[in-house]
Amino acid sequence: MGAYVLRRLWQMVPTLLGVILLVFFLFNWVGGDPAYVLAGLFSNDAQIEAIRRELGLDQPLWVQLWIFIKQVVTFDFGNSWTSGESVSSLFLSRLPATITLLLPLLVIETLLCLALAVWLAWVRGGLVDRVTMVVFTTAMSISILVFIILGQYVLAYRWGLFPVQGWSDDLWTNLTRYAPLPILLGLLVSIAPNTRLFRSFVIEEMGQEYVRTAYAKGLSRRRVLFVHVLRNSMIPVITFVVANLPALLLGSFLLERFFGIPGMGREIILAVERSDFPVIKATTIYLAIATMIFNLIGDLLYQVTDPRVVLK
């Protein structure tokens, strides 16, 4: 396994290089001249030229690319154009809030959706299964904004069960007071599509030849489902969860923005609104690296789940 991990890490290098080239050329050709963005509307040519020299934009293209590569390698993307704060320190200060929100949400939604999927597969074709699928299909058609607005109004404002907005420096206070409502609303949004997908994984596995063989040998339905089918269904579940992690981060943007959580999601939205290129470029690179690492972790979990999987 060690050799496989080293080989995969080495294979990430050309992939990351491709992402660097793509981001660099997109921001240079499509993003416009950063000097004009920084200078603002009321500026003269001398100010714009001074900013270009400060940013290294007056250098040849290959020099600018080398500067960008060094920024990626050293994780030093300079300072935010709007706040003046170091981009690396900005990420380090905002990331704990995002993790506090997303990690419990990821664990709870995965376990809950998997449990519901197994239960619905157990009662497949019955009234409960049909009604649940209708309810879930209806829930999937409702926007996350509706859940957020209604959740804040009813659960927080009208009933006073949760604070409408807020965040603190204490982890336990955040987990018990400020994070529960965003996590609950995130669950309401994700439970329907994830449960439907996981249910299809379990039902597909129940139609395999080894399941009929297990029944023929006299194994009980409970043992077949919870010992054999559930374990083999975990591979597509792991694939989905790992692939969905970047999308989960994007989904947290709205939760952080509406609930006043000082996390990365809200910071990235502000960076896009203000054309804060250093923050946007750093986010793109970090997400690419995180996606590659998550895929590696997913591959390693395959072998933990099913020893028959051979990592090559």
C-alpha atoms as a PDB file:
ATOM      1  CA  MET A   1       0.000   0.000   0.000  1.00  0.00           C
ATOM      2  CA  GLY A   2       2.873   2.359   0.743  1.00  0.00           C
ATOM      3  CA  ALA A   3       4.206   2.043  -2.809  1.00  0.00           C
ATOM      4  CA  TYR A   4       0.725   2.676  -4.185  1.00  0.00           C
ATOM      5  CA  VAL A   5       0.328   5.842  -2.092  1.00  0.00           C
ATOM      6  CA  LEU A   6       3.731   7.168  -3.209  1.00  0.00           C
ATOM      7  CA  ARG A   7       2.893   6.430  -6.837  1.00  0.00           C
ATOM      8  CA  ARG A   8      -0.447   8.201  -6.579  1.00  0.00           C
ATOM      9  CA  LEU A   9       1.160  11.211  -4.920  1.00  0.00           C
ATOM     10  CA  TRP A  10       3.698  11.361  -7.741  1.00  0.00           C
ATOM     11  CA  GLN A  11       0.888  11.167 -10.300  1.00  0.00           C
ATOM     12  CA  MET A  12      -0.714  14.213  -8.695  1.00  0.00           C
ATOM     13  CA  VAL A  13       2.204  16.389  -9.802  1.00  0.00           C
ATOM     14  CA  PRO A  14       1.363  16.548 -13.544  1.00  0.00           C
ATOM     15  CA  THR A  15      -2.328  16.907 -12.703  1.00  0.00           C
ATOM     16  CA  LEU A  16      -1.602  19.832 -10.425  1.00  0.00           C
ATOM     17  CA  LEU A  17       0.658  21.344 -13.074  1.00  0.00           C
ATOM     18  CA  GLY A  18      -2.205  21.179 -15.565  1.00  0.00           C
ATOM     19  CA  VAL A  19      -4.509  22.915 -13.065  1.00  0.00           C
ATOM     20  CA  ILE A  20      -1.862  25.617 -12.508  1.00  0.00           C
ATOM     21  CA  LEU A  21      -1.538  26.258 -16.227  1.00  0.00           C
ATOM     22  CA  LEU A  22      -5.309  26.381 -16.681  1.00  0.00           C
ATOM     23  CA  VAL A  23      -5.823  28.788 -13.791  1.00  0.00           C
ATOM     24  CA  PHE A  24      -2.910  30.977 -14.861  1.00  0.00           C
ATOM     25  CA  PHE A  25      -4.035  31.402 -18.462  1.00  0.00           C
ATOM     26  CA  LEU A  26      -7.703  31.830 -17.535  1.00  0.00           C
ATOM     27  CA  PHE A  27      -6.923  34.644 -15.123  1.00  0.00           C
ATOM     28  CA  ASN A  28      -4.501  36.297 -17.567  1.00  0.00           C
ATOM     29  CA  TRP A  29      -6.703  36.070 -20.656  1.00  0.00           C
ATOM     30  CA  VAL A  30     -10.247  36.075 -19.300  1.00  0.00           C
ATOM     31  CA  GLY A  31      -9.968  37.755 -15.925  1.00  0.00           C
ATOM     32  CA  GLY A  32      -8.843  41.127 -17.252  1.00  0.00           C
ATOM     33  CA  ASP A  33      -5.959  43.251 -16.062  1.00  0.00           C
ATOM     34  CA  PRO A  34      -5.629  43.024 -12.252  1.00  0.00           C
ATOM     35  CA  ALA A  35      -3.957  46.442 -12.204  1.00  0.00           C
ATOM     36  CA  TYR A  36      -7.186  48.090 -13.368  1.00  0.00           C
ATOM     37  CA  VAL A  37      -9.162  46.160 -10.739  1.00  0.00           C
ATOM     38  CA  LEU A  38      -6.865  47.297  -7.948  1.00  0.00           C
ATOM     39  CA  ALA A  39      -6.536  50.861  -9.184  1.00  0.00           C
ATOM     40  CA  GLY A  40     -10.274  51.430  -9.330  1.00  0.00           C
ATOM     41  CA  LEU A  41     -12.227  53.821 -11.482  1.00  0.00           C
ATOM     42  CA  PHE A  42     -10.431  56.995 -10.404  1.00  0.00           C
ATOM     43  CA  SER A  43      -6.830  56.296 -11.385  1.00  0.00           C
ATOM     44  CA  ASN A  44      -4.269  57.457 -13.873  1.00  0.00           C
ATOM     45  CA  ASP A  45      -1.807  55.627 -16.096  1.00  0.00           C
ATOM     46  CA  ALA A  46       1.081  56.166 -13.673  1.00  0.00           C
ATOM     47  CA  GLN A  47      -0.801  54.485 -10.821  1.00  0.00           C
ATOM     48  CA  ILE A  48      -1.799  51.565 -13.019  1.00  0.00           C
ATOM     49  CA  GLU A  49       1.778  51.105 -14.233  1.00  0.00           C
ATOM     50  CA  ALA A  50       3.078  51.192 -10.651  1.00  0.00           C
ATOM     51  CA  ILE A  51       0.611  48.471  -9.648  1.00  0.00           C
ATOM     52  CA  ARG A  52       1.627  46.389 -12.649  1.00  0.00           C
ATOM     53  CA  ARG A  53       5.284  46.577 -11.591  1.00  0.00           C
ATOM     54  CA  GLU A  54       4.394  45.691  -8.002  1.00  0.00           C
ATOM     55  CA  LEU A  55       2.432  42.621  -9.112  1.00  0.00           C
ATOM     56  CA  GLY A  56       5.055  41.580 -11.663  1.00  0.00           C
ATOM     57  CA  LEU A  57       2.617  42.014 -14.542  1.00  0.00           C
ATOM     58  CA  ASP A  58       5.223  43.933 -16.527  1.00  0.00           C
ATOM     59  CA  GLN A  59       7.366  40.787 -16.678  1.00  0.00           C
ATOM     60  CA  PRO A  60       7.301  38.272 -19.571  1.00  0.00           C
ATOM     61  CA  LEU A  61       4.566  35.657 -19.441  1.00  0.00           C
ATOM     62  CA  TRP A  62       6.918  32.823 -18.463  1.00  0.00           C
ATOM     63  CA  VAL A  63       8.247  34.872 -15.533  1.00  0.00           C
ATOM     64  CA  GLN A  64       4.698  35.496 -14.314  1.00  0.00           C
ATOM     65  CA  LEU A  65       3.978  31.756 -14.606  1.00  0.00           C
ATOM     66  CA  TRP A  66       7.102  30.932 -12.587  1.00  0.00           C
ATOM     67  CA  ILE A  67       5.999  33.393  -9.900  1.00  0.00           C
ATOM     68  CA  PHE A  68       2.601  31.695  -9.760  1.00  0.00           C
ATOM     69  CA  ILE A  69       4.201  28.233  -9.498  1.00  0.00           C
ATOM     70  CA  LYS A  70       6.355  29.434  -6.590  1.00  0.00           C
ATOM     71  CA  GLN A  71       3.232  30.769  -4.909  1.00  0.00           C
ATOM     72  CA  VAL A  72       1.586  27.349  -5.218  1.00  0.00           C
ATOM     73  CA  VAL A  73       4.637  25.456  -3.949  1.00  0.00           C
ATOM     74  CA  THR A  74       5.160  27.788  -0.976  1.00  0.00           C
ATOM     75  CA  PHE A  75       1.413  28.266  -0.320  1.00  0.00           C
ATOM     76  CA  ASP A  76       2.071  32.004  -0.349  1.00  0.00           C
ATOM     77  CA  PHE A  77      -0.400  33.773  -2.629  1.00  0.00           C
ATOM     78  CA  GLY A  78       0.364  37.205  -1.239  1.00  0.00           C
ATOM     79  CA  ASN A  79      -2.266  39.406   0.384  1.00  0.00           C
ATOM     80  CA  SER A  80      -5.966  39.781  -0.221  1.00  0.00           C
ATOM     81  CA  TRP A  81      -6.699  42.817  -2.375  1.00  0.00           C
ATOM     82  CA  THR A  82      -9.694  43.837  -0.298  1.00  0.00           C
ATOM     83  CA  SER A  83      -8.672  43.156   3.324  1.00  0.00           C
ATOM     84  CA  GLY A  84      -4.886  43.272   2.979  1.00  0.00           C
ATOM     85  CA  GLU A  85      -4.670  40.085   5.032  1.00  0.00           C
ATOM     86  CA  SER A  86      -2.307  37.318   4.007  1.00  0.00           C
ATOM     87  CA  VAL A  87      -4.206  34.751   1.921  1.00  0.00           C
ATOM     88  CA  SER A  88      -2.639  31.827   3.816  1.00  0.00           C
ATOM     89  CA  SER A  89      -3.565  33.289   7.220  1.00  0.00           C
ATOM     90  CA  LEU A  90      -7.030  34.079   5.881  1.00  0.00           C
ATOM     91  CA  PHE A  91      -7.526  30.424   4.977  1.00  0.00           C
ATOM     92  CA  LEU A  92      -6.169  29.223   8.322  1.00  0.00           C
ATOM     93  CA  SER A  93      -8.466  31.545  10.270  1.00  0.00           C
ATOM     94  CA  ARG A  94     -11.620  30.756   8.242  1.00  0.00           C
ATOM     95  CA  LEU A  95     -11.148  27.011   7.718  1.00  0.00           C
ATOM     96  CA  PRO A  96     -11.987  25.890  11.320  1.00  0.00           C
ATOM     97  CA  ALA A  97     -15.494  27.355  11.053  1.00  0.00           C
ATOM     98  CA  THR A  98     -16.099  25.557   7.758  1.00  0.00           C
ATOM     99  CA  ILE A  99     -14.824  22.250   9.175  1.00  0.00           C
ATOM    100  CA  THR A 100     -16.984  22.695  12.281  1.00  0.00           C
ATOM    101  CA  LEU A 101     -20.006  22.977  10.002  1.00  0.00           C
ATOM    102  CA  LEU A 102     -19.166  20.459   7.272  1.00  0.00           C
ATOM    103  CA  LEU A 103     -17.622  17.547   9.201  1.00  0.00           C
ATOM    104  CA  PRO A 104     -20.681  16.829  11.398  1.00  0.00           C
ATOM    105  CA  LEU A 105     -22.936  17.402   8.381  1.00  0.00           C
ATOM    106  CA  LEU A 106     -20.960  14.920   6.263  1.00  0.00           C
ATOM    107  CA  VAL A 107     -20.871  12.212   8.949  1.00  0.00           C
ATOM    108  CA  ILE A 108     -24.524  12.552   9.967  1.00  0.00           C
ATOM    109  CA  GLU A 109     -25.924  12.710   6.435  1.00  0.00           C
ATOM    110  CA  THR A 110     -23.849   9.712   5.254  1.00  0.00           C
ATOM    111  CA  LEU A 111     -24.825   7.487   8.185  1.00  0.00           C
ATOM    112  CA  LEU A 112     -28.464   8.603   8.195  1.00  0.00           C
ATOM    113  CA  CYS A 113     -28.942   8.266   4.433  1.00  0.00           C
ATOM    114  CA  LEU A 114     -27.262   4.866   4.407  1.00  0.00           C
ATOM    115  CA  ALA A 115     -29.472   3.629   7.260  1.00  0.00           C
ATOM    116  CA  LEU A 116     -32.604   4.904   5.509  1.00  0.00           C
ATOM    117  CA  ALA A 117     -31.479   3.349   2.222  1.00  0.00           C
ATOM    118  CA  VAL A 118     -31.024  -0.080   3.826  1.00  0.00           C
ATOM    119  CA  TRP A 119     -34.400   0.203   5.565  1.00  0.00           C
ATOM    120  CA  LEU A 120     -36.176   1.216   2.343  1.00  0.00           C
ATOM    121  CA  ALA A 121     -34.475  -1.638   0.500  1.00  0.00           C
ATOM    122  CA  TRP A 122     -35.747  -3.975   3.243  1.00  0.00           C
ATOM    123  CA  VAL A 123     -39.353  -2.825   2.720  1.00  0.00           C
ATOM    124  CA  ARG A 124     -38.940  -2.331  -1.023  1.00  0.00           C
ATOM    125  CA  GLY A 125     -42.185  -2.239  -2.968  1.00  0.00           C
ATOM    126  CA  GLY A 126     -44.308  -1.667   0.112  1.00  0.00           C
ATOM    127  CA  LEU A 127     -46.468   1.323   0.981  1.00  0.00           C
ATOM    128  CA  VAL A 128     -43.785   2.883   3.194  1.00  0.00           C
ATOM    129  CA  ASP A 129     -41.221   2.657   0.411  1.00  0.00           C
ATOM    130  CA  ARG A 130     -43.538   4.218  -2.168  1.00  0.00           C
ATOM    131  CA  VAL A 131     -44.686   7.067   0.082  1.00  0.00           C
ATOM    132  CA  THR A 132     -41.117   7.831   1.134  1.00  0.00           C
ATOM    133  CA  MET A 133     -39.948   7.988  -2.485  1.00  0.00           C
ATOM    134  CA  VAL A 134     -42.781  10.387  -3.353  1.00  0.00           C
ATOM    135  CA  VAL A 135     -41.889  12.620  -0.395  1.00  0.00           C
ATOM    136  CA  PHE A 136     -38.190  12.556  -1.298  1.00  0.00           C
ATOM    137  CA  THR A 137     -38.898  13.339  -4.947  1.00  0.00           C
ATOM    138  CA  THR A 138     -40.972  16.325  -3.866  1.00  0.00           C
ATOM    139  CA  ALA A 139     -38.249  17.497  -1.470  1.00  0.00           C
ATOM    140  CA  MET A 140     -35.640  17.340  -4.243  1.00  0.00           C
ATOM    141  CA  SER A 141     -37.613  19.901  -6.248  1.00  0.00           C
ATOM    142  CA  ILE A 142     -37.425  22.497  -3.453  1.00  0.00           C
ATOM    143  CA  SER A 143     -34.542  24.964  -3.519  1.00  0.00           C
ATOM    144  CA  ILE A 144     -32.084  25.144  -0.638  1.00  0.00           C
ATOM    145  CA  LEU A 145     -33.008  28.820  -0.294  1.00  0.00           C
ATOM    146  CA  VAL A 146     -36.551  27.821   0.661  1.00  0.00           C
ATOM    147  CA  PHE A 147     -35.238  25.516   3.397  1.00  0.00           C
ATOM    148  CA  ILE A 148     -32.919  28.222   4.724  1.00  0.00           C
ATOM    149  CA  ILE A 149     -35.526  30.995   4.756  1.00  0.00           C
ATOM    150  CA  LEU A 150     -38.268  28.847   6.292  1.00  0.00           C
ATOM    151  CA  GLY A 151     -35.848  27.274   8.770  1.00  0.00           C
ATOM    152  CA  GLN A 152     -34.619  30.652   9.983  1.00  0.00           C
ATOM    153  CA  TYR A 153     -38.116  32.101  10.177  1.00  0.00           C
ATOM    154  CA  VAL A 154     -39.923  29.184  11.821  1.00  0.00           C
ATOM    155  CA  LEU A 155     -37.286  27.411  13.917  1.00  0.00           C
ATOM    156  CA  ALA A 156     -35.188  30.432  14.862  1.00  0.00           C
ATOM    157  CA  TYR A 157     -37.329  33.578  14.689  1.00  0.00           C
ATOM    158  CA  ARG A 158     -40.819  32.272  15.539  1.00  0.00           C
ATOM    159  CA  TRP A 159     -40.066  29.341  17.845  1.00  0.00           C
ATOM    160  CA  GLY A 160     -36.708  30.539  19.181  1.00  0.00           C
ATOM    161  CA  LEU A 161     -35.172  27.064  19.134  1.00  0.00           C
ATOM    162  CA  PHE A 162     -31.942  28.290  17.554  1.00  0.00           C
ATOM    163  CA  PRO A 163     -30.189  31.628  17.080  1.00  0.00           C
ATOM    164  CA  VAL A 164     -30.868  33.175  13.683  1.00  0.00           C
ATOM    165  CA  GLN A 165     -27.201  34.008  13.107  1.00  0.00           C
ATOM    166  CA  GLY A 166     -23.939  34.086  14.970  1.00  0.00           C
ATOM    167  CA  TRP A 167     -20.624  32.408  15.689  1.00  0.00           C
ATOM    168  CA  SER A 168     -18.116  32.401  18.544  1.00  0.00           C
ATOM    169  CA  ASP A 169     -14.501  31.509  19.249  1.00  0.00           C
ATOM    170  CA  ASP A 170     -15.472  28.513  21.387  1.00  0.00           C
ATOM    171  CA  LEU A 171     -15.781  25.174  19.564  1.00  0.00           C
ATOM    172  CA  TRP A 172     -18.307  23.652  21.972  1.00  0.00           C
ATOM    173  CA  THR A 173     -20.530  26.734  21.835  1.00  0.00           C
ATOM    174  CA  ASN A 174     -20.496  26.616  18.048  1.00  0.00           C
ATOM    175  CA  LEU A 175     -21.320  22.902  17.938  1.00  0.00           C
ATOM    176  CA  THR A 176     -24.160  23.121  20.456  1.00  0.00           C
ATOM    177  CA  ARG A 177     -25.631  26.554  19.731  1.00  0.00           C
ATOM    178  CA  TYR A 178     -24.803  27.996  16.313  1.00  0.00           C
ATOM    179  CA  ALA A 179     -24.082  24.984  14.086  1.00  0.00           C
ATOM    180  CA  PRO A 180     -27.152  22.740  14.736  1.00  0.00           C
ATOM    181  CA  LEU A 181     -29.621  24.752  12.610  1.00  0.00           C
ATOM    182  CA  PRO A 182     -27.351  25.033   9.522  1.00  0.00           C
ATOM    183  CA  ILE A 183     -26.529  21.330   9.873  1.00  0.00           C
ATOM    184  CA  LEU A 184     -30.223  20.450  10.173  1.00  0.00           C
ATOM    185  CA  LEU A 185     -31.102  22.457   7.069  1.00  0.00           C
ATOM    186  CA  GLY A 186     -28.181  20.924   5.193  1.00  0.00           C
ATOM    187  CA  LEU A 187     -29.525  17.500   6.112  1.00  0.00           C
ATOM    188  CA  LEU A 188     -33.010  18.388   4.886  1.00  0.00           C
ATOM    189  CA  VAL A 189     -31.550  19.359   1.523  1.00  0.00           C
ATOM    190  CA  SER A 190     -29.272  16.341   1.068  1.00  0.00           C
ATOM    191  CA  ILE A 191     -31.236  13.525   2.678  1.00  0.00           C
ATOM    192  CA  ALA A 192     -33.657  13.031  -0.219  1.00  0.00           C
ATOM    193  CA  PRO A 193     -31.224  12.731  -3.174  1.00  0.00           C
ATOM    194  CA  ASN A 194     -28.592  10.833  -1.186  1.00  0.00           C
ATOM    195  CA  THR A 195     -31.052   8.310   0.236  1.00  0.00           C
ATOM    196  CA  ARG A 196     -32.547   7.653  -3.198  1.00  0.00           C
ATOM    197  CA  LEU A 197     -29.077   7.089  -4.632  1.00  0.00           C
ATOM    198  CA  PHE A 198     -27.891   4.853  -1.778  1.00  0.00           C
ATOM    199  CA  ARG A 199     -31.137   2.864  -1.991  1.00  0.00           C
ATOM    200  CA  SER A 200     -30.436   2.175  -5.665  1.00  0.00           C
ATOM    201  CA  PHE A 201     -26.933   0.947  -4.739  1.00  0.00           C
ATOM    202  CA  VAL A 202     -28.344  -1.468  -2.153  1.00  0.00           C
ATOM    203  CA  ILE A 203     -31.144  -2.735  -4.426  1.00  0.00           C
ATOM    204  CA  GLU A 204     -28.719  -3.277  -7.302  1.00  0.00           C
ATOM    205  CA  GLU A 205     -26.457  -5.292  -5.016  1.00  0.00           C
ATOM    206  CA  MET A 206     -29.429  -7.370  -3.830  1.00  0.00           C
ATOM    207  CA  GLY A 207     -29.912  -8.575  -7.402  1.00  0.00           C
ATOM    208  CA  GLN A 208     -26.436 -10.119  -7.669  1.00  0.00           C
ATOM    209  CA  GLU A 209     -25.854 -13.857  -8.051  1.00  0.00           C
ATOM    210  CA  TYR A 210     -24.122 -14.257  -4.687  1.00  0.00           C
ATOM    211  CA  VAL A 211     -27.263 -13.013  -2.906  1.00  0.00           C
ATOM    212  CA  ARG A 212     -29.389 -15.734  -4.477  1.00  0.00           C
ATOM    213  CA  THR A 213     -26.684 -18.248  -3.597  1.00  0.00           C
ATOM    214  CA  ALA A 214     -26.697 -17.061   0.022  1.00  0.00           C
ATOM    215  CA  TYR A 215     -30.477 -17.468   0.198  1.00  0.00           C
ATOM    216  CA  ALA A 216     -30.159 -20.942  -1.334  1.00  0.00           C
ATOM    217  CA  LYS A 217     -27.706 -21.902   1.410  1.00  0.00           C
ATOM    218  CA  GLY A 218     -30.283 -21.011   4.039  1.00  0.00           C
ATOM    219  CA  LEU A 219     -28.940 -17.652   5.243  1.00  0.00           C
ATOM    220  CA  SER A 220     -31.557 -15.343   6.711  1.00  0.00           C
ATOM    221  CA  ARG A 221     -32.618 -12.209   4.855  1.00  0.00           C
ATOM    222  CA  ARG A 222     -31.326 -10.050   7.702  1.00  0.00           C
ATOM    223  CA  ARG A 223     -27.858 -11.607   7.582  1.00  0.00           C
ATOM    224  CA  VAL A 224     -27.633 -11.376   3.807  1.00  0.00           C
ATOM    225  CA  LEU A 225     -28.659  -7.724   3.802  1.00  0.00           C
ATOM    226  CA  PHE A 226     -26.645  -6.420   6.735  1.00  0.00           C
ATOM    227  CA  VAL A 227     -23.531  -8.595   6.418  1.00  0.00           C
ATOM    228  CA  HIS A 228     -23.048  -9.134   2.694  1.00  0.00           C
ATOM    229  CA  VAL A 229     -25.145  -6.643   0.703  1.00  0.00           C
ATOM    230  CA  LEU A 230     -24.417  -3.629   2.912  1.00  0.00           C
ATOM    231  CA  ARG A 231     -20.668  -4.195   2.847  1.00  0.00           C
ATOM    232  CA  ASN A 232     -20.521  -4.567  -0.926  1.00  0.00           C
ATOM    233  CA  SER A 233     -22.748  -1.509  -1.357  1.00  0.00           C
ATOM    234  CA  MET A 234     -20.205   0.619   0.480  1.00  0.00           C
ATOM    235  CA  ILE A 235     -17.887   0.923  -2.528  1.00  0.00           C
ATOM    236  CA  PRO A 236     -20.254   3.064  -4.655  1.00  0.00           C
ATOM    237  CA  VAL A 237     -21.267   4.926  -1.492  1.00  0.00           C
ATOM    238  CA  ILE A 238     -17.624   5.784  -0.781  1.00  0.00           C
ATOM    239  CA  THR A 239     -17.166   6.842  -4.407  1.00  0.00           C
ATOM    240  CA  PHE A 240     -20.150   9.168  -4.190  1.00  0.00           C
ATOM    241  CA  VAL A 241     -19.171  10.681  -0.836  1.00  0.00           C
ATOM    242  CA  VAL A 242     -15.579  11.329  -1.933  1.00  0.00           C
ATOM    243  CA  ALA A 243     -16.668  12.832  -5.256  1.00  0.00           C
ATOM    244  CA  ASN A 244     -19.302  14.935  -3.496  1.00  0.00           C
ATOM    245  CA  LEU A 245     -16.947  16.552  -0.979  1.00  0.00           C
ATOM    246  CA  PRO A 246     -16.072  19.561  -3.191  1.00  0.00           C
ATOM    247  CA  ALA A 247     -19.777  20.024  -3.957  1.00  0.00           C
ATOM    248  CA  LEU A 248     -20.490  19.884  -0.219  1.00  0.00           C
ATOM    249  CA  LEU A 249     -18.006  22.706   0.288  1.00  0.00           C
ATOM    250  CA  LEU A 250     -19.754  24.744  -2.396  1.00  0.00           C
ATOM    251  CA  GLY A 251     -23.088  24.056  -0.721  1.00  0.00           C
ATOM    252  CA  SER A 252     -21.738  25.431   2.551  1.00  0.00           C
ATOM    253  CA  PHE A 253     -21.267  28.834   0.911  1.00  0.00           C
ATOM    254  CA  LEU A 254     -24.972  29.643   1.198  1.00  0.00           C
ATOM    255  CA  LEU A 255     -25.241  28.323   4.755  1.00  0.00           C
ATOM    256  CA  GLU A 256     -22.270  30.393   5.892  1.00  0.00           C
ATOM    257  CA  ARG A 257     -23.540  33.485   4.133  1.00  0.00           C
ATOM    258  CA  PHE A 258     -27.096  33.293   5.527  1.00  0.00           C
ATOM    259  CA  PHE A 259     -26.070  32.325   9.068  1.00  0.00           C
ATOM    260  CA  GLY A 260     -23.153  34.731   9.418  1.00  0.00           C
ATOM    261  CA  ILE A 261     -20.579  31.961   9.849  1.00  0.00           C
ATOM    262  CA  PRO A 262     -17.031  33.302   9.258  1.00  0.00           C
ATOM    263  CA  GLY A 263     -15.945  30.336   7.146  1.00  0.00           C
ATOM    264  CA  MET A 264     -14.304  29.852   3.786  1.00  0.00           C
ATOM    265  CA  GLY A 265     -17.602  29.763   1.926  1.00  0.00           C
ATOM    266  CA  ARG A 266     -18.577  33.276   2.862  1.00  0.00           C
ATOM    267  CA  GLU A 267     -15.030  34.509   2.251  1.00  0.00           C
ATOM    268  CA  ILE A 268     -14.929  33.039  -1.259  1.00  0.00           C
ATOM    269  CA  ILE A 269     -18.280  34.606  -2.162  1.00  0.00           C
ATOM    270  CA  LEU A 270     -16.978  37.988  -1.009  1.00  0.00           C
ATOM    271  CA  ALA A 271     -13.783  37.437  -3.018  1.00  0.00           C
ATOM    272  CA  VAL A 272     -15.788  36.751  -6.168  1.00  0.00           C
ATOM    273  CA  GLU A 273     -17.989  39.792  -5.598  1.00  0.00           C
ATOM    274  CA  ARG A 274     -14.934  42.023  -5.098  1.00  0.00           C
ATOM    275  CA  SER A 275     -12.726  40.428  -7.810  1.00  0.00           C
ATOM    276  CA  ASP A 276     -10.163  39.474  -5.170  1.00  0.00           C
ATOM    277  CA  PHE A 277      -7.969  37.428  -7.531  1.00  0.00           C
ATOM    278  CA  PRO A 278      -5.379  36.131  -4.989  1.00  0.00           C
ATOM    279  CA  VAL A 279      -8.112  34.553  -2.861  1.00  0.00           C
ATOM    280  CA  ILE A 280      -9.925  33.123  -5.889  1.00  0.00           C
ATOM    281  CA  LYS A 281      -6.749  31.620  -7.374  1.00  0.00           C
ATOM    282  CA  ALA A 282      -5.704  30.145  -4.022  1.00  0.00           C
ATOM    283  CA  THR A 283      -9.168  28.636  -3.564  1.00  0.00           C
ATOM    284  CA  THR A 284      -9.052  27.027  -7.010  1.00  0.00           C
ATOM    285  CA  ILE A 285      -5.650  25.468  -6.362  1.00  0.00           C
ATOM    286  CA  TYR A 286      -6.541  24.306  -2.852  1.00  0.00           C
ATOM    287  CA  LEU A 287      -9.777  22.714  -4.070  1.00  0.00           C
ATOM    288  CA  ALA A 288      -7.879  20.867  -6.810  1.00  0.00           C
ATOM    289  CA  ILE A 289      -5.357  19.536  -4.275  1.00  0.00           C
ATOM    290  CA  ALA A 290      -8.129  18.579  -1.831  1.00  0.00           C
ATOM    291  CA  THR A 291     -10.037  16.750  -4.579  1.00  0.00           C
ATOM    292  CA  MET A 292      -6.977  14.683  -5.509  1.00  0.00           C
ATOM    293  CA  ILE A 293      -6.311  13.827  -1.861  1.00  0.00           C
ATOM    294  CA  PHE A 294      -9.955  12.871  -1.291  1.00  0.00           C
ATOM    295  CA  ASN A 295      -9.822  10.557  -4.320  1.00  0.00           C
ATOM    296  CA  LEU A 296      -6.716   8.880  -2.890  1.00  0.00           C
ATOM    297  CA  ILE A 297      -8.415   8.423   0.480  1.00  0.00           C
ATOM    298  CA  GLY A 298     -11.434   6.944  -1.293  1.00  0.00           C
ATOM    299  CA  ASP A 299      -9.248   4.411  -3.120  1.00  0.00           C
ATOM    300  CA  LEU A 300      -7.651   3.374   0.178  1.00  0.00           C
ATOM    301  CA  LEU A 301     -11.090   2.969   1.767  1.00  0.00           C
ATOM    302  CA  TYR A 302     -12.060   0.593  -1.049  1.00  0.00           C
ATOM    303  CA  GLN A 303      -9.538  -1.941   0.172  1.00  0.00           C
ATOM    304  CA  VAL A 304     -10.564  -1.447   3.804  1.00  0.00           C
ATOM    305  CA  THR A 305     -14.200  -2.086   2.863  1.00  0.00           C
ATOM    306  CA  ASP A 306     -13.536  -4.984   0.501  1.00  0.00           C
ATOM    307  CA  PRO A 307     -10.233  -6.893   0.928  1.00  0.00           C
ATOM    308  CA  ARG A 308     -10.718  -8.328  -2.581  1.00  0.00           C
ATOM    309  CA  VAL A 309      -9.893  -4.920  -4.042  1.00  0.00           C
ATOM    310  CA  VAL A 310      -6.245  -4.831  -5.113  1.00  0.00           C
ATOM    311  CA  LEU A 311      -4.556  -1.445  -5.348  1.00  0.00           C
ATOM    312  CA  LYS A 312      -2.226  -1.298  -8.344  1.00  0.00           C
END
